[in-house]
Amino acid sequence: MRKDGRETDLYIKTHPKSPVSESFRFIRTNLNYMNPDKPLKVIGITSTLEQEGKSTVSANLAVALALDGEKTLAIDADLRKPMLNRFFKVMCEGGLSDYLANGTDYEYIIKSTDEHNLDLITTGNIPPNPSELLGSNKMHLLIKNLRKDYDKIIVDTAPIIPVSDTVSLAPYLDGIILVTAAKQTTIDMLKKTKNILDNVNANLLGTIINKYPVNSGGKHYQKKYYYYGENDK
């Protein structure tokens, strides 16, 4: 746990047999079988507001996919508050914003991680115009090129309500997973977020409920991740 309260733990590696890790494997399975005719390759992870756990989900889900043999890329597209570099302990500089603003071959911003089958693109320097960069044709072309190189791409995006960054990025994603926090995310925030995504025809795949206390086998777990697809009732 960092001083600002944000966790940077790869649960699926440090606690592989925990309910949290099993939840990420369950989400991985759901994604792989959700649309067999047109596999989901580029998946955005977002939230309504800050500190609901979207970056934790992004990092752990990317590792889960890589552990299953998928050639995986994690992209930190939250250009205002980078987090993924902390999970994988790499430098943030020389990342997405630098590529979009200055121009270079995209291969130069792809960083290796210690996880087999998993690469990372960090945010780079924090730019003054994240929404414009993420909605640019250059971002579209980047995603198009990366599709050829990877089986799965997990994109950690900015929260929906405070800024329009994810709305700019949504057209380039195959689907979006919304991370919510138990006893934190309100119904009004969920409705507002869904309306925003619907207005740009985003493909909302489902919702993950984070920070949900669960009793199992006499033990109390501080977190568990529940996944609800759009067709679940």
C-alpha atoms as a PDB file:
ATOM      1  CA  MET A   1       0.000   0.000   0.000  1.00  0.00           C
ATOM      2  CA  ARG A   2       1.395   3.383  -0.996  1.00  0.00           C
ATOM      3  CA  LYS A   3       1.155   6.465   1.222  1.00  0.00           C
ATOM      4  CA  ASP A   4      -1.653   7.850  -0.936  1.00  0.00           C
ATOM      5  CA  GLY A   5      -3.726   4.729  -0.210  1.00  0.00           C
ATOM      6  CA  ARG A   6      -3.306   3.226  -3.661  1.00  0.00           C
ATOM      7  CA  GLU A   7      -2.216  -0.381  -3.800  1.00  0.00           C
ATOM      8  CA  THR A   8       0.321  -1.592  -6.329  1.00  0.00           C
ATOM      9  CA  ASP A   9       0.216  -5.301  -5.591  1.00  0.00           C
ATOM     10  CA  LEU A  10       0.017  -7.939  -8.305  1.00  0.00           C
ATOM     11  CA  TYR A  11      -2.280 -10.223  -6.307  1.00  0.00           C
ATOM     12  CA  ILE A  12      -2.333 -12.871  -8.986  1.00  0.00           C
ATOM     13  CA  LYS A  13       1.419 -13.342  -8.498  1.00  0.00           C
ATOM     14  CA  THR A  14       1.818 -12.705  -4.773  1.00  0.00           C
ATOM     15  CA  HIS A  15      -1.356 -14.572  -3.720  1.00  0.00           C
ATOM     16  CA  PRO A  16      -2.093 -16.989  -6.594  1.00  0.00           C
ATOM     17  CA  LYS A  17      -4.529 -19.132  -4.595  1.00  0.00           C
ATOM     18  CA  SER A  18      -6.509 -16.277  -3.082  1.00  0.00           C
ATOM     19  CA  PRO A  19     -10.140 -15.441  -3.960  1.00  0.00           C
ATOM     20  CA  VAL A  20      -8.855 -12.234  -5.580  1.00  0.00           C
ATOM     21  CA  SER A  21      -6.619 -14.150  -7.976  1.00  0.00           C
ATOM     22  CA  GLU A  22      -9.373 -16.615  -8.765  1.00  0.00           C
ATOM     23  CA  SER A  23     -11.634 -13.689  -9.629  1.00  0.00           C
ATOM     24  CA  PHE A  24      -9.120 -12.406 -12.179  1.00  0.00           C
ATOM     25  CA  ARG A  25      -8.902 -15.842 -13.767  1.00  0.00           C
ATOM     26  CA  PHE A  26     -12.705 -15.909 -13.939  1.00  0.00           C
ATOM     27  CA  ILE A  27     -12.738 -12.504 -15.672  1.00  0.00           C
ATOM     28  CA  ARG A  28     -10.077 -13.734 -18.105  1.00  0.00           C
ATOM     29  CA  THR A  29     -12.220 -16.742 -19.006  1.00  0.00           C
ATOM     30  CA  ASN A  30     -15.305 -14.576 -19.509  1.00  0.00           C
ATOM     31  CA  LEU A  31     -13.435 -12.279 -21.881  1.00  0.00           C
ATOM     32  CA  ASN A  32     -12.108 -15.169 -23.957  1.00  0.00           C
ATOM     33  CA  TYR A  33     -15.569 -16.685 -24.461  1.00  0.00           C
ATOM     34  CA  MET A  34     -17.700 -13.548 -24.578  1.00  0.00           C
ATOM     35  CA  ASN A  35     -17.654 -13.147 -28.362  1.00  0.00           C
ATOM     36  CA  PRO A  36     -16.210 -16.241 -30.094  1.00  0.00           C
ATOM     37  CA  ASP A  37     -17.022 -14.936 -33.589  1.00  0.00           C
ATOM     38  CA  LYS A  38     -15.098 -11.705 -33.048  1.00  0.00           C
ATOM     39  CA  PRO A  39     -12.564 -12.035 -30.202  1.00  0.00           C
ATOM     40  CA  LEU A  40     -12.098  -9.029 -27.966  1.00  0.00           C
ATOM     41  CA  LYS A  41      -8.515  -7.876 -28.393  1.00  0.00           C
ATOM     42  CA  VAL A  42      -8.304  -4.260 -27.143  1.00  0.00           C
ATOM     43  CA  ILE A  43     -10.068  -3.841 -23.803  1.00  0.00           C
ATOM     44  CA  GLY A  44     -10.318  -0.606 -21.840  1.00  0.00           C
ATOM     45  CA  ILE A  45     -10.548  -0.598 -18.044  1.00  0.00           C
ATOM     46  CA  THR A  46     -12.147   2.483 -16.509  1.00  0.00           C
ATOM     47  CA  SER A  47     -14.091   3.687 -13.463  1.00  0.00           C
ATOM     48  CA  THR A  48     -16.571   6.392 -12.571  1.00  0.00           C
ATOM     49  CA  LEU A  49     -14.186   8.356 -10.318  1.00  0.00           C
ATOM     50  CA  GLU A  50     -10.674   7.997  -8.909  1.00  0.00           C
ATOM     51  CA  GLN A  51      -9.469   5.296  -6.513  1.00  0.00           C
ATOM     52  CA  GLU A  52     -12.047   2.668  -7.394  1.00  0.00           C
ATOM     53  CA  GLY A  53      -9.355   0.173  -8.391  1.00  0.00           C
ATOM     54  CA  LYS A  54      -9.192   0.343 -12.183  1.00  0.00           C
ATOM     55  CA  SER A  55      -5.384   0.289 -12.341  1.00  0.00           C
ATOM     56  CA  THR A  56      -5.214  -2.687  -9.979  1.00  0.00           C
ATOM     57  CA  VAL A  57      -7.668  -4.508 -12.219  1.00  0.00           C
ATOM     58  CA  SER A  58      -5.747  -3.524 -15.355  1.00  0.00           C
ATOM     59  CA  ALA A  59      -2.405  -4.750 -14.023  1.00  0.00           C
ATOM     60  CA  ASN A  60      -3.670  -8.022 -12.562  1.00  0.00           C
ATOM     61  CA  LEU A  61      -5.867  -8.858 -15.540  1.00  0.00           C
ATOM     62  CA  ALA A  62      -2.949  -8.258 -17.905  1.00  0.00           C
ATOM     63  CA  VAL A  63      -0.816 -10.673 -15.875  1.00  0.00           C
ATOM     64  CA  ALA A  64      -3.659 -13.219 -15.806  1.00  0.00           C
ATOM     65  CA  LEU A  65      -3.881 -13.117 -19.601  1.00  0.00           C
ATOM     66  CA  ALA A  66      -0.115 -13.431 -19.971  1.00  0.00           C
ATOM     67  CA  LEU A  67      -0.028 -16.408 -17.595  1.00  0.00           C
ATOM     68  CA  ASP A  68      -2.584 -18.102 -19.840  1.00  0.00           C
ATOM     69  CA  GLY A  69      -0.172 -17.906 -22.777  1.00  0.00           C
ATOM     70  CA  GLU A  70      -1.619 -14.780 -24.425  1.00  0.00           C
ATOM     71  CA  LYS A  71       0.930 -12.327 -25.802  1.00  0.00           C
ATOM     72  CA  THR A  72      -0.277  -9.325 -23.815  1.00  0.00           C
ATOM     73  CA  LEU A  73       0.353  -5.595 -23.800  1.00  0.00           C
ATOM     74  CA  ALA A  74      -0.717  -3.263 -20.987  1.00  0.00           C
ATOM     75  CA  ILE A  75      -1.091   0.409 -21.920  1.00  0.00           C
ATOM     76  CA  ASP A  76      -1.319   3.138 -19.296  1.00  0.00           C
ATOM     77  CA  ALA A  77      -3.590   5.633 -21.044  1.00  0.00           C
ATOM     78  CA  ASP A  78      -4.436   7.555 -17.879  1.00  0.00           C
ATOM     79  CA  LEU A  79      -2.215  10.412 -18.957  1.00  0.00           C
ATOM     80  CA  ARG A  80      -3.051  12.508 -15.904  1.00  0.00           C
ATOM     81  CA  LYS A  81      -2.263  10.059 -13.074  1.00  0.00           C
ATOM     82  CA  PRO A  82       0.047   7.228 -14.142  1.00  0.00           C
ATOM     83  CA  MET A  83      -0.060   4.001 -12.130  1.00  0.00           C
ATOM     84  CA  LEU A  84       0.890   0.919 -14.164  1.00  0.00           C
ATOM     85  CA  ASN A  85       4.619   1.685 -14.087  1.00  0.00           C
ATOM     86  CA  ARG A  86       4.461   1.289 -10.301  1.00  0.00           C
ATOM     87  CA  PHE A  87       2.925  -2.164 -10.518  1.00  0.00           C
ATOM     88  CA  PHE A  88       5.652  -3.354 -12.871  1.00  0.00           C
ATOM     89  CA  LYS A  89       8.459  -1.239 -11.398  1.00  0.00           C
ATOM     90  CA  VAL A  90       9.600   0.460 -14.585  1.00  0.00           C
ATOM     91  CA  MET A  91      10.346   4.083 -15.407  1.00  0.00           C
ATOM     92  CA  CYS A  92       7.383   6.136 -16.648  1.00  0.00           C
ATOM     93  CA  GLU A  93       9.389   8.302 -19.045  1.00  0.00           C
ATOM     94  CA  GLY A  94       9.445   7.574 -22.763  1.00  0.00           C
ATOM     95  CA  GLY A  95       5.849   6.461 -23.086  1.00  0.00           C
ATOM     96  CA  LEU A  96       2.524   7.027 -24.787  1.00  0.00           C
ATOM     97  CA  SER A  97       2.267  10.813 -24.514  1.00  0.00           C
ATOM     98  CA  ASP A  98       5.803  11.255 -25.832  1.00  0.00           C
ATOM     99  CA  TYR A  99       5.001   9.106 -28.853  1.00  0.00           C
ATOM    100  CA  LEU A 100       1.727  10.914 -29.580  1.00  0.00           C
ATOM    101  CA  ALA A 101       3.157  14.408 -29.118  1.00  0.00           C
ATOM    102  CA  ASN A 102       6.627  14.098 -30.606  1.00  0.00           C
ATOM    103  CA  GLY A 103       6.547  11.197 -33.014  1.00  0.00           C
ATOM    104  CA  THR A 104       8.854   8.191 -33.145  1.00  0.00           C
ATOM    105  CA  ASP A 105       8.583   4.536 -34.039  1.00  0.00           C
ATOM    106  CA  TYR A 106       6.101   2.991 -31.626  1.00  0.00           C
ATOM    107  CA  GLU A 107       8.434   0.065 -30.928  1.00  0.00           C
ATOM    108  CA  TYR A 108      10.607   2.423 -28.886  1.00  0.00           C
ATOM    109  CA  ILE A 109       7.924   3.043 -26.254  1.00  0.00           C
ATOM    110  CA  ILE A 110       7.217  -0.643 -25.596  1.00  0.00           C
ATOM    111  CA  LYS A 111       8.884  -1.751 -22.362  1.00  0.00           C
ATOM    112  CA  SER A 112       9.545  -5.299 -21.227  1.00  0.00           C
ATOM    113  CA  THR A 113       8.344  -6.433 -17.806  1.00  0.00           C
ATOM    114  CA  ASP A 114       9.485  -9.251 -15.556  1.00  0.00           C
ATOM    115  CA  GLU A 115       6.334 -11.163 -16.511  1.00  0.00           C
ATOM    116  CA  HIS A 116       6.570 -13.651 -19.377  1.00  0.00           C
ATOM    117  CA  ASN A 117       4.392 -12.697 -22.382  1.00  0.00           C
ATOM    118  CA  LEU A 118       3.684  -9.212 -20.982  1.00  0.00           C
ATOM    119  CA  ASP A 119       4.916  -5.865 -22.304  1.00  0.00           C
ATOM    120  CA  LEU A 120       4.017  -2.375 -21.103  1.00  0.00           C
ATOM    121  CA  ILE A 121       3.550   1.102 -22.543  1.00  0.00           C
ATOM    122  CA  THR A 122       3.768   3.702 -19.790  1.00  0.00           C
ATOM    123  CA  THR A 123       2.157   7.138 -19.978  1.00  0.00           C
ATOM    124  CA  GLY A 124       5.360   9.066 -20.481  1.00  0.00           C
ATOM    125  CA  ASN A 125       5.434  12.724 -19.484  1.00  0.00           C
ATOM    126  CA  ILE A 126       2.101  14.194 -18.375  1.00  0.00           C
ATOM    127  CA  PRO A 127       0.844  16.345 -21.273  1.00  0.00           C
ATOM    128  CA  PRO A 128      -1.358  19.481 -21.165  1.00  0.00           C
ATOM    129  CA  ASN A 129      -3.887  18.003 -23.630  1.00  0.00           C
ATOM    130  CA  PRO A 130      -4.599  14.306 -22.844  1.00  0.00           C
ATOM    131  CA  SER A 131      -8.037  14.157 -24.495  1.00  0.00           C
ATOM    132  CA  GLU A 132      -6.766  15.560 -27.786  1.00  0.00           C
ATOM    133  CA  LEU A 133      -3.820  13.155 -27.874  1.00  0.00           C
ATOM    134  CA  LEU A 134      -5.937  10.093 -27.089  1.00  0.00           C
ATOM    135  CA  GLY A 135      -8.535  11.007 -29.705  1.00  0.00           C
ATOM    136  CA  SER A 136      -5.982  11.686 -32.403  1.00  0.00           C
ATOM    137  CA  ASN A 137      -5.530   9.762 -35.615  1.00  0.00           C
ATOM    138  CA  LYS A 138      -2.057   8.864 -34.422  1.00  0.00           C
ATOM    139  CA  MET A 139      -3.567   7.024 -31.435  1.00  0.00           C
ATOM    140  CA  HIS A 140      -5.917   5.217 -33.785  1.00  0.00           C
ATOM    141  CA  LEU A 141      -3.003   4.117 -35.960  1.00  0.00           C
ATOM    142  CA  LEU A 142      -1.020   3.022 -32.916  1.00  0.00           C
ATOM    143  CA  ILE A 143      -3.821   0.732 -31.725  1.00  0.00           C
ATOM    144  CA  LYS A 144      -4.232  -0.573 -35.277  1.00  0.00           C
ATOM    145  CA  ASN A 145      -0.535  -1.494 -35.458  1.00  0.00           C
ATOM    146  CA  LEU A 146      -0.433  -3.014 -31.976  1.00  0.00           C
ATOM    147  CA  ARG A 147      -3.358  -5.299 -32.836  1.00  0.00           C
ATOM    148  CA  LYS A 148      -1.021  -7.088 -35.249  1.00  0.00           C
ATOM    149  CA  ASP A 149       1.601  -7.695 -32.568  1.00  0.00           C
ATOM    150  CA  TYR A 150      -0.433  -8.848 -29.549  1.00  0.00           C
ATOM    151  CA  ASP A 151      -3.190 -11.305 -28.651  1.00  0.00           C
ATOM    152  CA  LYS A 152      -4.632  -9.042 -25.957  1.00  0.00           C
ATOM    153  CA  ILE A 153      -4.202  -5.356 -25.152  1.00  0.00           C
ATOM    154  CA  ILE A 154      -5.385  -4.009 -21.786  1.00  0.00           C
ATOM    155  CA  VAL A 155      -5.765  -0.225 -21.688  1.00  0.00           C
ATOM    156  CA  ASP A 156      -5.953   1.489 -18.298  1.00  0.00           C
ATOM    157  CA  THR A 157      -7.966   4.649 -18.983  1.00  0.00           C
ATOM    158  CA  ALA A 158      -8.906   7.731 -16.994  1.00  0.00           C
ATOM    159  CA  PRO A 159     -12.090   7.831 -14.863  1.00  0.00           C
ATOM    160  CA  ILE A 160     -15.180   8.724 -16.897  1.00  0.00           C
ATOM    161  CA  ILE A 161     -16.870  11.481 -14.895  1.00  0.00           C
ATOM    162  CA  PRO A 162     -14.009  13.931 -14.134  1.00  0.00           C
ATOM    163  CA  VAL A 163     -12.495  14.090 -17.651  1.00  0.00           C
ATOM    164  CA  SER A 164     -13.310  13.234 -21.275  1.00  0.00           C
ATOM    165  CA  ASP A 165     -10.113  11.254 -22.003  1.00  0.00           C
ATOM    166  CA  THR A 166     -11.762   7.819 -22.103  1.00  0.00           C
ATOM    167  CA  VAL A 167     -14.599   9.135 -24.271  1.00  0.00           C
ATOM    168  CA  SER A 168     -11.971  10.241 -26.814  1.00  0.00           C
ATOM    169  CA  LEU A 169     -10.362   6.800 -26.714  1.00  0.00           C
ATOM    170  CA  ALA A 170     -13.543   4.682 -26.703  1.00  0.00           C
ATOM    171  CA  PRO A 171     -13.952   4.371 -30.517  1.00  0.00           C
ATOM    172  CA  TYR A 172     -10.608   2.549 -30.753  1.00  0.00           C
ATOM    173  CA  LEU A 173     -11.478  -0.081 -28.121  1.00  0.00           C
ATOM    174  CA  ASP A 174     -13.266  -3.393 -28.668  1.00  0.00           C
ATOM    175  CA  GLY A 175     -14.934  -3.034 -25.296  1.00  0.00           C
ATOM    176  CA  ILE A 176     -14.794  -1.358 -21.906  1.00  0.00           C
ATOM    177  CA  ILE A 177     -14.991  -2.850 -18.412  1.00  0.00           C
ATOM    178  CA  LEU A 178     -16.233  -0.515 -15.690  1.00  0.00           C
ATOM    179  CA  VAL A 179     -14.661  -0.914 -12.245  1.00  0.00           C
ATOM    180  CA  THR A 180     -16.780   0.168  -9.281  1.00  0.00           C
ATOM    181  CA  ALA A 181     -16.106   0.162  -5.553  1.00  0.00           C
ATOM    182  CA  ALA A 182     -18.505  -1.341  -3.032  1.00  0.00           C
ATOM    183  CA  LYS A 183     -19.978   1.243  -0.622  1.00  0.00           C
ATOM    184  CA  GLN A 184     -18.195   3.971  -2.613  1.00  0.00           C
ATOM    185  CA  THR A 185     -19.628   4.125  -6.130  1.00  0.00           C
ATOM    186  CA  THR A 186     -23.173   5.492  -6.084  1.00  0.00           C
ATOM    187  CA  ILE A 187     -26.075   4.544  -8.344  1.00  0.00           C
ATOM    188  CA  ASP A 188     -26.191   8.107  -9.669  1.00  0.00           C
ATOM    189  CA  MET A 189     -22.523   7.923 -10.673  1.00  0.00           C
ATOM    190  CA  LEU A 190     -23.111   4.594 -12.401  1.00  0.00           C
ATOM    191  CA  LYS A 191     -26.062   5.950 -14.361  1.00  0.00           C
ATOM    192  CA  LYS A 192     -24.139   9.049 -15.381  1.00  0.00           C
ATOM    193  CA  THR A 193     -21.146   6.949 -16.464  1.00  0.00           C
ATOM    194  CA  LYS A 194     -23.293   4.573 -18.509  1.00  0.00           C
ATOM    195  CA  ASN A 195     -25.033   7.486 -20.217  1.00  0.00           C
ATOM    196  CA  ILE A 196     -21.682   8.991 -21.178  1.00  0.00           C
ATOM    197  CA  LEU A 197     -20.485   5.688 -22.634  1.00  0.00           C
ATOM    198  CA  ASP A 198     -23.783   5.086 -24.435  1.00  0.00           C
ATOM    199  CA  ASN A 199     -23.566   8.524 -26.059  1.00  0.00           C
ATOM    200  CA  VAL A 200     -20.335   7.531 -27.819  1.00  0.00           C
ATOM    201  CA  ASN A 201     -21.569   3.997 -28.619  1.00  0.00           C
ATOM    202  CA  ALA A 202     -18.933   2.426 -26.394  1.00  0.00           C
ATOM    203  CA  ASN A 203     -19.190  -1.352 -26.002  1.00  0.00           C
ATOM    204  CA  LEU A 204     -19.664  -1.766 -22.248  1.00  0.00           C
ATOM    205  CA  LEU A 205     -18.714  -5.383 -21.578  1.00  0.00           C
ATOM    206  CA  GLY A 206     -19.625  -5.473 -17.912  1.00  0.00           C
ATOM    207  CA  THR A 207     -18.880  -4.221 -14.427  1.00  0.00           C
ATOM    208  CA  ILE A 208     -16.398  -5.318 -11.786  1.00  0.00           C
ATOM    209  CA  ILE A 209     -17.291  -4.652  -8.157  1.00  0.00           C
ATOM    210  CA  ASN A 210     -14.113  -3.999  -6.202  1.00  0.00           C
ATOM    211  CA  LYS A 211     -13.442  -3.694  -2.445  1.00  0.00           C
ATOM    212  CA  TYR A 212     -16.273  -6.060  -1.592  1.00  0.00           C
ATOM    213  CA  PRO A 213     -15.762  -7.810   1.805  1.00  0.00           C
ATOM    214  CA  VAL A 214     -16.223 -11.557   1.613  1.00  0.00           C
ATOM    215  CA  ASN A 215     -16.260 -14.243   4.287  1.00  0.00           C
ATOM    216  CA  SER A 216     -14.927 -17.581   3.075  1.00  0.00           C
ATOM    217  CA  GLY A 217     -14.002 -20.606   5.136  1.00  0.00           C
ATOM    218  CA  GLY A 218     -14.060 -18.617   8.344  1.00  0.00           C
ATOM    219  CA  LYS A 219     -11.617 -16.060   6.971  1.00  0.00           C
ATOM    220  CA  HIS A 220     -12.392 -12.487   6.069  1.00  0.00           C
ATOM    221  CA  TYR A 221     -10.920 -11.238   2.803  1.00  0.00           C
ATOM    222  CA  GLN A 222     -10.586  -7.496   2.373  1.00  0.00           C
ATOM    223  CA  LYS A 223     -11.170  -7.619  -1.356  1.00  0.00           C
ATOM    224  CA  LYS A 224     -12.836  -9.658  -4.004  1.00  0.00           C
ATOM    225  CA  TYR A 225     -13.629  -8.837  -7.592  1.00  0.00           C
ATOM    226  CA  TYR A 226     -17.054  -9.720  -8.938  1.00  0.00           C
ATOM    227  CA  TYR A 227     -17.697  -9.508 -12.658  1.00  0.00           C
ATOM    228  CA  TYR A 228     -21.115  -8.850 -14.124  1.00  0.00           C
ATOM    229  CA  GLY A 229     -21.570  -8.943 -17.877  1.00  0.00           C
ATOM    230  CA  GLU A 230     -24.015  -6.659 -19.610  1.00  0.00           C
ATOM    231  CA  ASN A 231     -26.404  -9.578 -20.134  1.00  0.00           C
ATOM    232  CA  ASP A 232     -26.363 -10.672 -16.508  1.00  0.00           C
ATOM    233  CA  LYS A 233     -29.335  -9.823 -14.358  1.00  0.00           C
END
